[in-house]
Amino acid sequence: MNSLLYIIAVILIIGWAIGFFFTTIGGLIHVLLIIAIISLLLGLIRRPTAV
């Protein structure tokens, strides 16, 4: 599940970077970036800690 979150986050960040340079979609790109950051944070929070 964690790898899936990272894959989604990377895809969203790449989409944001492309949209940042080609501002045809507008505010949707920033929403993609926020979703990518949230998914990365969830992946970090939900990662099991080794004792």
PDB file of N, CA and C in Angstrom:
ATOM      1  N   MET A   1       0.819  -1.193   0.000  1.00  0.00           N
ATOM      2  CA  MET A   1       0.000   0.000   0.000  1.00  0.00           C
ATOM      3  C   MET A   1       0.863   1.257   0.000  1.00  0.00           C
ATOM      4  N   ASN A   2       1.984   1.218   0.720  1.00  0.00           N
ATOM      5  CA  ASN A   2       2.852   2.391   0.763  1.00  0.00           C
ATOM      6  C   ASN A   2       3.443   2.696  -0.604  1.00  0.00           C
ATOM      7  N   SER A   3       3.834   1.654  -1.344  1.00  0.00           N
ATOM      8  CA  SER A   3       4.409   1.897  -2.658  1.00  0.00           C
ATOM      9  C   SER A   3       3.371   2.485  -3.597  1.00  0.00           C
ATOM     10  N   LEU A   4       2.119   2.112  -3.435  1.00  0.00           N
ATOM     11  CA  LEU A   4       1.056   2.673  -4.258  1.00  0.00           C
ATOM     12  C   LEU A   4       0.901   4.165  -3.982  1.00  0.00           C
ATOM     13  N   LEU A   5       0.987   4.566  -2.719  1.00  0.00           N
ATOM     14  CA  LEU A   5       0.894   5.983  -2.377  1.00  0.00           C
ATOM     15  C   LEU A   5       2.049   6.765  -2.990  1.00  0.00           C
ATOM     16  N   TYR A   6       3.240   6.188  -2.962  1.00  0.00           N
ATOM     17  CA  TYR A   6       4.392   6.871  -3.539  1.00  0.00           C
ATOM     18  C   TYR A   6       4.267   6.989  -5.048  1.00  0.00           C
ATOM     19  N   ILE A   7       3.754   5.956  -5.706  1.00  0.00           N
ATOM     20  CA  ILE A   7       3.567   6.015  -7.148  1.00  0.00           C
ATOM     21  C   ILE A   7       2.557   7.092  -7.506  1.00  0.00           C
ATOM     22  N   ILE A   8       1.455   7.144  -6.767  1.00  0.00           N
ATOM     23  CA  ILE A   8       0.443   8.174  -7.011  1.00  0.00           C
ATOM     24  C   ILE A   8       1.024   9.561  -6.765  1.00  0.00           C
ATOM     25  N   ALA A   9       1.785   9.708  -5.693  1.00  0.00           N
ATOM     26  CA  ALA A   9       2.380  11.009  -5.377  1.00  0.00           C
ATOM     27  C   ALA A   9       3.341  11.448  -6.468  1.00  0.00           C
ATOM     28  N   VAL A  10       4.157  10.534  -6.975  1.00  0.00           N
ATOM     29  CA  VAL A  10       5.113  10.880  -8.031  1.00  0.00           C
ATOM     30  C   VAL A  10       4.370  11.281  -9.303  1.00  0.00           C
ATOM     31  N   ILE A  11       3.334  10.545  -9.651  1.00  0.00           N
ATOM     32  CA  ILE A  11       2.552  10.886 -10.842  1.00  0.00           C
ATOM     33  C   ILE A  11       1.916  12.261 -10.694  1.00  0.00           C
ATOM     34  N   LEU A  12       1.380  12.552  -9.513  1.00  0.00           N
ATOM     35  CA  LEU A  12       0.755  13.853  -9.293  1.00  0.00           C
ATOM     36  C   LEU A  12       1.779  14.984  -9.307  1.00  0.00           C
ATOM     37  N   ILE A  13       2.959  14.748  -8.763  1.00  0.00           N
ATOM     38  CA  ILE A  13       3.999  15.782  -8.774  1.00  0.00           C
ATOM     39  C   ILE A  13       4.479  16.036 -10.196  1.00  0.00           C
ATOM     40  N   ILE A  14       4.634  14.985 -10.989  1.00  0.00           N
ATOM     41  CA  ILE A  14       5.025  15.161 -12.389  1.00  0.00           C
ATOM     42  C   ILE A  14       3.936  15.935 -13.137  1.00  0.00           C
ATOM     43  N   GLY A  15       2.674  15.577 -12.887  1.00  0.00           N
ATOM     44  CA  GLY A  15       1.573  16.312 -13.502  1.00  0.00           C
ATOM     45  C   GLY A  15       1.559  17.772 -13.090  1.00  0.00           C
ATOM     46  N   TRP A  16       1.869  18.036 -11.836  1.00  0.00           N
ATOM     47  CA  TRP A  16       1.931  19.415 -11.355  1.00  0.00           C
ATOM     48  C   TRP A  16       3.056  20.172 -12.041  1.00  0.00           C
ATOM     49  N   ALA A  17       4.225  19.529 -12.170  1.00  0.00           N
ATOM     50  CA  ALA A  17       5.371  20.186 -12.803  1.00  0.00           C
ATOM     51  C   ALA A  17       5.070  20.510 -14.267  1.00  0.00           C
ATOM     52  N   ILE A  18       4.431  19.583 -14.962  1.00  0.00           N
ATOM     53  CA  ILE A  18       4.070  19.840 -16.358  1.00  0.00           C
ATOM     54  C   ILE A  18       3.055  20.983 -16.429  1.00  0.00           C
ATOM     55  N   GLY A  19       2.072  20.952 -15.574  1.00  0.00           N
ATOM     56  CA  GLY A  19       1.054  21.996 -15.556  1.00  0.00           C
ATOM     57  C   GLY A  19       1.596  23.348 -15.121  1.00  0.00           C
ATOM     58  N   PHE A  20       2.641  23.335 -14.300  1.00  0.00           N
ATOM     59  CA  PHE A  20       3.235  24.591 -13.855  1.00  0.00           C
ATOM     60  C   PHE A  20       3.854  25.324 -15.027  1.00  0.00           C
ATOM     61  N   PHE A  21       4.478  24.562 -15.933  1.00  0.00           N
ATOM     62  CA  PHE A  21       5.118  25.184 -17.083  1.00  0.00           C
ATOM     63  C   PHE A  21       4.123  25.452 -18.217  1.00  0.00           C
ATOM     64  N   PHE A  22       3.071  24.696 -18.290  1.00  0.00           N
ATOM     65  CA  PHE A  22       2.032  24.902 -19.293  1.00  0.00           C
ATOM     66  C   PHE A  22       0.722  25.203 -18.562  1.00  0.00           C
ATOM     67  N   THR A  23       0.560  26.437 -18.179  1.00  0.00           N
ATOM     68  CA  THR A  23      -0.568  26.805 -17.311  1.00  0.00           C
ATOM     69  C   THR A  23      -1.859  26.890 -18.100  1.00  0.00           C
ATOM     70  N   THR A  24      -2.308  25.758 -18.626  1.00  0.00           N
ATOM     71  CA  THR A  24      -3.565  25.743 -19.362  1.00  0.00           C
ATOM     72  C   THR A  24      -4.713  25.268 -18.488  1.00  0.00           C
ATOM     73  N   ILE A  25      -4.404  24.529 -17.429  1.00  0.00           N
ATOM     74  CA  ILE A  25      -5.459  23.982 -16.582  1.00  0.00           C
ATOM     75  C   ILE A  25      -5.748  24.904 -15.397  1.00  0.00           C
ATOM     76  N   GLY A  26      -4.777  25.672 -14.983  1.00  0.00           N
ATOM     77  CA  GLY A  26      -5.008  26.655 -13.927  1.00  0.00           C
ATOM     78  C   GLY A  26      -4.898  26.076 -12.530  1.00  0.00           C
ATOM     79  N   GLY A  27      -5.904  26.320 -11.701  1.00  0.00           N
ATOM     80  CA  GLY A  27      -5.873  25.956 -10.291  1.00  0.00           C
ATOM     81  C   GLY A  27      -5.882  24.462 -10.032  1.00  0.00           C
ATOM     82  N   LEU A  28      -6.293  23.661 -11.008  1.00  0.00           N
ATOM     83  CA  LEU A  28      -6.325  22.216 -10.828  1.00  0.00           C
ATOM     84  C   LEU A  28      -4.934  21.652 -10.563  1.00  0.00           C
ATOM     85  N   ILE A  29      -3.917  22.266 -11.135  1.00  0.00           N
ATOM     86  CA  ILE A  29      -2.548  21.789 -10.949  1.00  0.00           C
ATOM     87  C   ILE A  29      -2.135  21.929  -9.485  1.00  0.00           C
ATOM     88  N   HIS A  30      -2.515  22.998  -8.858  1.00  0.00           N
ATOM     89  CA  HIS A  30      -2.161  23.200  -7.456  1.00  0.00           C
ATOM     90  C   HIS A  30      -2.908  22.217  -6.553  1.00  0.00           C
ATOM     91  N   VAL A  31      -4.101  21.853  -6.935  1.00  0.00           N
ATOM     92  CA  VAL A  31      -4.843  20.828  -6.196  1.00  0.00           C
ATOM     93  C   VAL A  31      -4.109  19.495  -6.309  1.00  0.00           C
ATOM     94  N   LEU A  32      -3.575  19.176  -7.494  1.00  0.00           N
ATOM     95  CA  LEU A  32      -2.795  17.942  -7.673  1.00  0.00           C
ATOM     96  C   LEU A  32      -1.570  17.940  -6.771  1.00  0.00           C
ATOM     97  N   LEU A  33      -0.902  19.073  -6.654  1.00  0.00           N
ATOM     98  CA  LEU A  33       0.270  19.157  -5.787  1.00  0.00           C
ATOM     99  C   LEU A  33      -0.115  18.928  -4.333  1.00  0.00           C
ATOM    100  N   ILE A  34      -1.192  19.503  -3.895  1.00  0.00           N
ATOM    101  CA  ILE A  34      -1.637  19.330  -2.511  1.00  0.00           C
ATOM    102  C   ILE A  34      -1.990  17.871  -2.244  1.00  0.00           C
ATOM    103  N   ILE A  35      -2.668  17.227  -3.200  1.00  0.00           N
ATOM    104  CA  ILE A  35      -3.010  15.807  -3.048  1.00  0.00           C
ATOM    105  C   ILE A  35      -1.747  14.957  -2.986  1.00  0.00           C
ATOM    106  N   ALA A  36      -0.749  15.287  -3.803  1.00  0.00           N
ATOM    107  CA  ALA A  36       0.506  14.537  -3.790  1.00  0.00           C
ATOM    108  C   ALA A  36       1.222  14.688  -2.454  1.00  0.00           C
ATOM    109  N   ILE A  37       1.253  15.881  -1.909  1.00  0.00           N
ATOM    110  CA  ILE A  37       1.913  16.110  -0.621  1.00  0.00           C
ATOM    111  C   ILE A  37       1.181  15.374   0.493  1.00  0.00           C
ATOM    112  N   ILE A  38      -0.154  15.407   0.452  1.00  0.00           N
ATOM    113  CA  ILE A  38      -0.928  14.706   1.477  1.00  0.00           C
ATOM    114  C   ILE A  38      -0.685  13.205   1.402  1.00  0.00           C
ATOM    115  N   SER A  39      -0.623  12.654   0.189  1.00  0.00           N
ATOM    116  CA  SER A  39      -0.401  11.212   0.072  1.00  0.00           C
ATOM    117  C   SER A  39       1.005  10.833   0.543  1.00  0.00           C
ATOM    118  N   LEU A  40       1.993  11.684   0.291  1.00  0.00           N
ATOM    119  CA  LEU A  40       3.339  11.416   0.810  1.00  0.00           C
ATOM    120  C   LEU A  40       3.348  11.455   2.335  1.00  0.00           C
ATOM    121  N   LEU A  41       2.674  12.433   2.914  1.00  0.00           N
ATOM    122  CA  LEU A  41       2.620  12.519   4.373  1.00  0.00           C
ATOM    123  C   LEU A  41       1.894  11.318   4.970  1.00  0.00           C
ATOM    124  N   LEU A  42       0.814  10.897   4.348  1.00  0.00           N
ATOM    125  CA  LEU A  42       0.105   9.712   4.839  1.00  0.00           C
ATOM    126  C   LEU A  42       0.993   8.474   4.756  1.00  0.00           C
ATOM    127  N   GLY A  43       1.780   8.374   3.687  1.00  0.00           N
ATOM    128  CA  GLY A  43       2.695   7.254   3.564  1.00  0.00           C
ATOM    129  C   GLY A  43       3.756   7.255   4.651  1.00  0.00           C
ATOM    130  N   LEU A  44       4.232   8.439   4.997  1.00  0.00           N
ATOM    131  CA  LEU A  44       5.242   8.544   6.054  1.00  0.00           C
ATOM    132  C   LEU A  44       4.636   8.267   7.431  1.00  0.00           C
ATOM    133  N   ILE A  45       3.429   8.724   7.660  1.00  0.00           N
ATOM    134  CA  ILE A  45       2.777   8.542   8.953  1.00  0.00           C
ATOM    135  C   ILE A  45       2.404   7.081   9.167  1.00  0.00           C
ATOM    136  N   ARG A  46       1.901   6.436   8.120  1.00  0.00           N
ATOM    137  CA  ARG A  46       1.417   5.059   8.249  1.00  0.00           C
ATOM    138  C   ARG A  46       2.519   4.009   8.154  1.00  0.00           C
ATOM    139  N   ARG A  47       3.754   4.425   7.882  1.00  0.00           N
ATOM    140  CA  ARG A  47       4.853   3.483   7.781  1.00  0.00           C
ATOM    141  C   ARG A  47       5.103   2.852   9.147  1.00  0.00           C
ATOM    142  N   PRO A  48       5.205   1.512   9.171  1.00  0.00           N
ATOM    143  CA  PRO A  48       5.472   0.861  10.470  1.00  0.00           C
ATOM    144  C   PRO A  48       6.887   1.211  10.949  1.00  0.00           C
ATOM    145  N   THR A  49       6.981   1.515  12.221  1.00  0.00           N
ATOM    146  CA  THR A  49       8.283   1.876  12.788  1.00  0.00           C
ATOM    147  C   THR A  49       8.994   0.626  13.283  1.00  0.00           C
ATOM    148  N   ALA A  50      10.276   0.522  12.961  1.00  0.00           N
ATOM    149  CA  ALA A  50      11.069  -0.621  13.408  1.00  0.00           C
ATOM    150  C   ALA A  50      11.582  -0.355  14.811  1.00  0.00           C
ATOM    151  N   VAL A  51      11.424  -1.325  15.670  1.00  0.00           N
ATOM    152  CA  VAL A  51      11.847  -1.164  17.078  1.00  0.00           C
ATOM    153  C   VAL A  51      13.175  -1.846  17.279  1.00  0.00           C
TER     154      VAL A  51
END
